[in-house]
């Protein structure tokens, strides 16, 4: 072997040794990483198993809460429909009262709901047509002190809005 061959063989041998050392180190690092990954995976598994009941309970609580909200919404809708039907039936029965009784009810509502100011009693065209001749005088006598009201037939709907406005929405006679 010549000197050049010896040098080349020495370089190859050093290269193999370095490559083997690098591969051994890489295998050792891979084994360490794999072992750490197994430890981490086991810890994560235990954490998931430990937290799973609480997470499941939280999900169940959310579903139950949502179901209760929906139940309350359905009940509220049913109650609103029942109240609306009741009010419509009451309004219909009021409109069907004989004239004297009907206007006595209107006087009572006006007396309870009017504020001490000037206002307009809004009557529908049918109400205005059946209104007793002395109704406005009676109205002035039952209103609280400082309250004045008048009624007018111009441009009125068939039925009065007075009942809805005085009973449901306001505590006053509807003002113009």
C-alpha atoms as a PDB file:
ATOM      1  CA  UNK A   1       0.000   0.000   0.000  1.00  0.00           C
ATOM      2  CA  UNK A   2       1.266   3.289  -0.889  1.00  0.00           C
ATOM      3  CA  UNK A   3       1.120   6.363   1.265  1.00  0.00           C
ATOM      4  CA  UNK A   4      -1.831   7.714  -0.670  1.00  0.00           C
ATOM      5  CA  UNK A   5      -3.762   4.497  -0.210  1.00  0.00           C
ATOM      6  CA  UNK A   6      -3.036   4.568   3.497  1.00  0.00           C
ATOM      7  CA  UNK A   7      -4.263   8.131   3.776  1.00  0.00           C
ATOM      8  CA  UNK A   8      -7.437   7.332   1.825  1.00  0.00           C
ATOM      9  CA  UNK A   9      -8.057   4.228   3.946  1.00  0.00           C
ATOM     10  CA  UNK A  10      -7.530   6.281   7.105  1.00  0.00           C
ATOM     11  CA  UNK A  11     -10.006   8.916   5.845  1.00  0.00           C
ATOM     12  CA  UNK A  12     -12.573   6.202   5.012  1.00  0.00           C
ATOM     13  CA  UNK A  13     -12.088   4.586   8.397  1.00  0.00           C
ATOM     14  CA  UNK A  14     -12.482   7.950  10.182  1.00  0.00           C
ATOM     15  CA  UNK A  15     -15.558   8.693   8.033  1.00  0.00           C
ATOM     16  CA  UNK A  16     -17.130   5.338   8.946  1.00  0.00           C
ATOM     17  CA  UNK A  17     -16.347   5.853  12.608  1.00  0.00           C
ATOM     18  CA  UNK A  18     -17.798   9.372  12.507  1.00  0.00           C
ATOM     19  CA  UNK A  19     -20.873   8.110  10.607  1.00  0.00           C
ATOM     20  CA  UNK A  20     -21.300   5.251  13.072  1.00  0.00           C
ATOM     21  CA  UNK A  21     -20.953   7.671  15.995  1.00  0.00           C
ATOM     22  CA  UNK A  22     -23.484  10.033  14.416  1.00  0.00           C
ATOM     23  CA  UNK A  23     -25.892   7.149  13.761  1.00  0.00           C
ATOM     24  CA  UNK A  24     -25.421   5.836  17.311  1.00  0.00           C
ATOM     25  CA  UNK A  25     -26.082   9.314  18.718  1.00  0.00           C
ATOM     26  CA  UNK A  26     -29.127   9.703  16.448  1.00  0.00           C
ATOM     27  CA  UNK A  27     -30.458   6.286  17.595  1.00  0.00           C
ATOM     28  CA  UNK A  28     -29.853   7.242  21.224  1.00  0.00           C
ATOM     29  CA  UNK A  29     -31.625  10.641  20.699  1.00  0.00           C
ATOM     30  CA  UNK A  30     -34.497   8.899  18.901  1.00  0.00           C
ATOM     31  CA  UNK A  31     -34.833   6.393  21.746  1.00  0.00           C
ATOM     32  CA  UNK A  32     -34.829   9.229  24.303  1.00  0.00           C
ATOM     33  CA  UNK A  33     -37.408  11.204  22.289  1.00  0.00           C
ATOM     34  CA  UNK A  34     -39.556   8.089  21.896  1.00  0.00           C
ATOM     35  CA  UNK A  35     -39.335   7.333  25.631  1.00  0.00           C
ATOM     36  CA  UNK A  36     -40.229  10.941  26.504  1.00  0.00           C
ATOM     37  CA  UNK A  37     -43.119  10.838  24.015  1.00  0.00           C
ATOM     38  CA  UNK A  38     -44.438   7.697  25.721  1.00  0.00           C
ATOM     39  CA  UNK A  39     -44.189   9.401  29.116  1.00  0.00           C
ATOM     40  CA  UNK A  40     -45.902  12.534  27.760  1.00  0.00           C
ATOM     41  CA  UNK A  41     -48.596  10.445  26.067  1.00  0.00           C
ATOM     42  CA  UNK A  42     -49.262   8.530  29.286  1.00  0.00           C
ATOM     43  CA  UNK A  43     -49.500  11.798  31.270  1.00  0.00           C
ATOM     44  CA  UNK A  44     -51.872  13.290  28.671  1.00  0.00           C
ATOM     45  CA  UNK A  45     -53.977  10.102  28.700  1.00  0.00           C
ATOM     46  CA  UNK A  46     -54.270  10.263  32.476  1.00  0.00           C
ATOM     47  CA  UNK A  47     -55.159  13.968  32.278  1.00  0.00           C
ATOM     48  CA  UNK A  48     -57.846  13.289  29.672  1.00  0.00           C
ATOM     49  CA  UNK A  49     -59.278  10.418  31.683  1.00  0.00           C
ATOM     50  CA  UNK A  50     -59.217  12.548  34.838  1.00  0.00           C
ATOM     51  CA  UNK A  51     -60.946  15.520  33.113  1.00  0.00           C
ATOM     52  CA  UNK A  52     -63.417  13.514  31.018  1.00  0.00           C
ATOM     53  CA  UNK A  53     -66.126  13.223  33.709  1.00  0.00           C
ATOM     54  CA  UNK A  54     -66.086  16.979  34.383  1.00  0.00           C
ATOM     55  CA  UNK A  55     -66.160  17.771  30.667  1.00  0.00           C
ATOM     56  CA  UNK A  56     -68.994  15.309  30.117  1.00  0.00           C
ATOM     57  CA  UNK A  57     -70.904  16.808  33.055  1.00  0.00           C
ATOM     58  CA  UNK A  58     -70.355  20.337  31.719  1.00  0.00           C
ATOM     59  CA  UNK A  59     -71.646  19.266  28.299  1.00  0.00           C
ATOM     60  CA  UNK A  60     -74.659  17.585  29.894  1.00  0.00           C
ATOM     61  CA  UNK A  61     -75.326  20.725  31.967  1.00  0.00           C
ATOM     62  CA  UNK A  62     -75.241  22.888  28.819  1.00  0.00           C
ATOM     63  CA  UNK A  63     -77.688  20.567  27.050  1.00  0.00           C
ATOM     64  CA  UNK A  64     -79.991  20.548  30.096  1.00  0.00           C
ATOM     65  CA  UNK A  65     -79.831  24.336  30.390  1.00  0.00           C
ATOM     66  CA  UNK A  66     -80.665  24.692  26.712  1.00  0.00           C
ATOM     67  CA  UNK A  67     -83.593  22.298  27.107  1.00  0.00           C
ATOM     68  CA  UNK A  68     -84.893  24.297  30.098  1.00  0.00           C
ATOM     69  CA  UNK A  69     -84.613  27.548  28.115  1.00  0.00           C
ATOM     70  CA  UNK A  70     -86.540  26.014  25.237  1.00  0.00           C
ATOM     71  CA  UNK A  71     -89.178  24.698  27.648  1.00  0.00           C
ATOM     72  CA  UNK A  72     -89.569  28.154  29.215  1.00  0.00           C
ATOM     73  CA  UNK A  73     -89.814  29.725  25.748  1.00  0.00           C
ATOM     74  CA  UNK A  74     -92.539  27.273  24.717  1.00  0.00           C
ATOM     75  CA  UNK A  75     -94.457  27.890  27.966  1.00  0.00           C
ATOM     76  CA  UNK A  76     -94.149  31.647  27.536  1.00  0.00           C
ATOM     77  CA  UNK A  77     -95.444  31.409  23.966  1.00  0.00           C
ATOM     78  CA  UNK A  78     -98.385  29.300  25.132  1.00  0.00           C
ATOM     79  CA  UNK A  79     -99.134  31.716  27.981  1.00  0.00           C
ATOM     80  CA  UNK A  80     -98.986  34.689  25.633  1.00  0.00           C
ATOM     81  CA  UNK A  81    -101.381  32.961  23.231  1.00  0.00           C
ATOM     82  CA  UNK A  82    -103.743  32.139  26.100  1.00  0.00           C
ATOM     83  CA  UNK A  83    -103.613  35.716  27.403  1.00  0.00           C
ATOM     84  CA  UNK A  84    -104.246  37.051  23.895  1.00  0.00           C
ATOM     85  CA  UNK A  85    -107.236  34.727  23.439  1.00  0.00           C
ATOM     86  CA  UNK A  86    -108.598  35.736  26.844  1.00  0.00           C
ATOM     87  CA  UNK A  87    -108.222  39.431  26.095  1.00  0.00           C
ATOM     88  CA  UNK A  88    -109.846  39.044  22.698  1.00  0.00           C
ATOM     89  CA  UNK A  89    -112.769  37.157  24.260  1.00  0.00           C
ATOM     90  CA  UNK A  90    -113.101  39.816  26.976  1.00  0.00           C
ATOM     91  CA  UNK A  91    -112.988  42.594  24.386  1.00  0.00           C
ATOM     92  CA  UNK A  92    -115.594  40.825  22.258  1.00  0.00           C
ATOM     93  CA  UNK A  93    -117.888  40.361  25.262  1.00  0.00           C
ATOM     94  CA  UNK A  94    -117.475  44.054  26.136  1.00  0.00           C
ATOM     95  CA  UNK A  95    -118.340  45.161  22.599  1.00  0.00           C
ATOM     96  CA  UNK A  96    -121.430  42.955  22.720  1.00  0.00           C
ATOM     97  CA  UNK A  97    -122.722  44.531  25.957  1.00  0.00           C
ATOM     98  CA  UNK A  98    -125.869  46.611  25.728  1.00  0.00           C
ATOM     99  CA  UNK A  99    -125.112  50.286  25.074  1.00  0.00           C
ATOM    100  CA  UNK A 100    -125.762  51.502  28.629  1.00  0.00           C
ATOM    101  CA  UNK A 101    -123.562  48.811  30.232  1.00  0.00           C
ATOM    102  CA  UNK A 102    -120.809  49.260  27.646  1.00  0.00           C
ATOM    103  CA  UNK A 103    -120.529  53.001  28.203  1.00  0.00           C
ATOM    104  CA  UNK A 104    -120.686  52.504  31.982  1.00  0.00           C
ATOM    105  CA  UNK A 105    -117.599  50.262  31.651  1.00  0.00           C
ATOM    106  CA  UNK A 106    -115.886  52.929  29.520  1.00  0.00           C
ATOM    107  CA  UNK A 107    -116.646  55.559  32.168  1.00  0.00           C
ATOM    108  CA  UNK A 108    -115.133  53.350  34.868  1.00  0.00           C
ATOM    109  CA  UNK A 109    -111.998  52.724  32.825  1.00  0.00           C
ATOM    110  CA  UNK A 110    -111.621  56.404  32.026  1.00  0.00           C
ATOM    111  CA  UNK A 111    -112.019  57.328  35.691  1.00  0.00           C
ATOM    112  CA  UNK A 112    -109.292  54.849  36.729  1.00  0.00           C
ATOM    113  CA  UNK A 113    -106.812  55.462  33.928  1.00  0.00           C
ATOM    114  CA  UNK A 114    -106.994  59.172  33.073  1.00  0.00           C
ATOM    115  CA  UNK A 115    -104.155  61.515  33.932  1.00  0.00           C
ATOM    116  CA  UNK A 116    -104.846  65.121  34.954  1.00  0.00           C
ATOM    117  CA  UNK A 117    -104.453  66.671  31.519  1.00  0.00           C
ATOM    118  CA  UNK A 118    -106.412  67.312  28.343  1.00  0.00           C
ATOM    119  CA  UNK A 119    -106.980  64.230  26.210  1.00  0.00           C
ATOM    120  CA  UNK A 120    -109.091  62.623  23.546  1.00  0.00           C
ATOM    121  CA  UNK A 121    -111.273  59.602  24.167  1.00  0.00           C
ATOM    122  CA  UNK A 122    -110.776  57.567  20.995  1.00  0.00           C
ATOM    123  CA  UNK A 123    -113.996  55.829  20.024  1.00  0.00           C
ATOM    124  CA  UNK A 124    -114.597  53.744  16.940  1.00  0.00           C
ATOM    125  CA  UNK A 125    -117.295  54.710  14.461  1.00  0.00           C
ATOM    126  CA  UNK A 126    -119.629  51.987  15.782  1.00  0.00           C
ATOM    127  CA  UNK A 127    -119.073  53.160  19.365  1.00  0.00           C
ATOM    128  CA  UNK A 128    -119.612  56.765  18.421  1.00  0.00           C
ATOM    129  CA  UNK A 129    -122.867  55.864  16.653  1.00  0.00           C
ATOM    130  CA  UNK A 130    -124.251  54.103  19.744  1.00  0.00           C
ATOM    131  CA  UNK A 131    -122.886  56.575  22.316  1.00  0.00           C
ATOM    132  CA  UNK A 132    -125.590  57.909  24.687  1.00  0.00           C
ATOM    133  CA  UNK A 133    -126.323  61.614  24.290  1.00  0.00           C
ATOM    134  CA  UNK A 134    -125.163  62.484  27.811  1.00  0.00           C
ATOM    135  CA  UNK A 135    -121.944  60.392  27.714  1.00  0.00           C
ATOM    136  CA  UNK A 136    -119.500  63.306  27.444  1.00  0.00           C
ATOM    137  CA  UNK A 137    -121.131  65.062  30.413  1.00  0.00           C
ATOM    138  CA  UNK A 138    -120.932  61.874  32.472  1.00  0.00           C
ATOM    139  CA  UNK A 139    -117.312  61.447  31.357  1.00  0.00           C
ATOM    140  CA  UNK A 140    -116.363  64.908  32.656  1.00  0.00           C
ATOM    141  CA  UNK A 141    -117.953  64.125  36.039  1.00  0.00           C
ATOM    142  CA  UNK A 142    -115.994  60.874  36.597  1.00  0.00           C
ATOM    143  CA  UNK A 143    -112.568  62.131  35.486  1.00  0.00           C
ATOM    144  CA  UNK A 144    -109.998  63.171  38.095  1.00  0.00           C
ATOM    145  CA  UNK A 145    -109.677  66.866  38.887  1.00  0.00           C
ATOM    146  CA  UNK A 146    -107.699  68.703  36.184  1.00  0.00           C
ATOM    147  CA  UNK A 147    -108.594  66.183  33.467  1.00  0.00           C
ATOM    148  CA  UNK A 148    -110.622  67.112  30.440  1.00  0.00           C
ATOM    149  CA  UNK A 149    -111.541  64.827  27.585  1.00  0.00           C
ATOM    150  CA  UNK A 150    -113.526  65.010  24.407  1.00  0.00           C
ATOM    151  CA  UNK A 151    -114.509  62.515  21.721  1.00  0.00           C
ATOM    152  CA  UNK A 152    -114.617  62.882  17.981  1.00  0.00           C
ATOM    153  CA  UNK A 153    -115.972  60.612  15.226  1.00  0.00           C
ATOM    154  CA  UNK A 154    -113.623  61.800  12.456  1.00  0.00           C
ATOM    155  CA  UNK A 155    -111.443  59.077  10.899  1.00  0.00           C
ATOM    156  CA  UNK A 156    -112.035  56.452  13.565  1.00  0.00           C
ATOM    157  CA  UNK A 157    -111.751  52.715  13.062  1.00  0.00           C
ATOM    158  CA  UNK A 158    -114.790  50.497  13.467  1.00  0.00           C
ATOM    159  CA  UNK A 159    -113.900  49.540  17.033  1.00  0.00           C
ATOM    160  CA  UNK A 160    -112.456  51.671  19.767  1.00  0.00           C
ATOM    161  CA  UNK A 161    -108.790  51.467  20.677  1.00  0.00           C
ATOM    162  CA  UNK A 162    -109.679  52.956  24.019  1.00  0.00           C
ATOM    163  CA  UNK A 163    -110.132  49.586  25.702  1.00  0.00           C
ATOM    164  CA  UNK A 164    -106.754  48.221  24.589  1.00  0.00           C
ATOM    165  CA  UNK A 165    -104.928  51.465  25.307  1.00  0.00           C
ATOM    166  CA  UNK A 166    -106.458  51.993  28.711  1.00  0.00           C
ATOM    167  CA  UNK A 167    -106.319  48.419  29.990  1.00  0.00           C
ATOM    168  CA  UNK A 168    -103.226  46.960  28.361  1.00  0.00           C
ATOM    169  CA  UNK A 169    -100.777  49.638  27.371  1.00  0.00           C
ATOM    170  CA  UNK A 170    -101.350  52.769  29.388  1.00  0.00           C
ATOM    171  CA  UNK A 171    -102.776  54.076  32.543  1.00  0.00           C
ATOM    172  CA  UNK A 172    -104.342  57.025  30.753  1.00  0.00           C
ATOM    173  CA  UNK A 173    -106.837  58.029  28.154  1.00  0.00           C
ATOM    174  CA  UNK A 174    -105.204  58.016  24.749  1.00  0.00           C
ATOM    175  CA  UNK A 175    -104.078  61.541  23.970  1.00  0.00           C
ATOM    176  CA  UNK A 176    -104.257  63.135  20.552  1.00  0.00           C
END
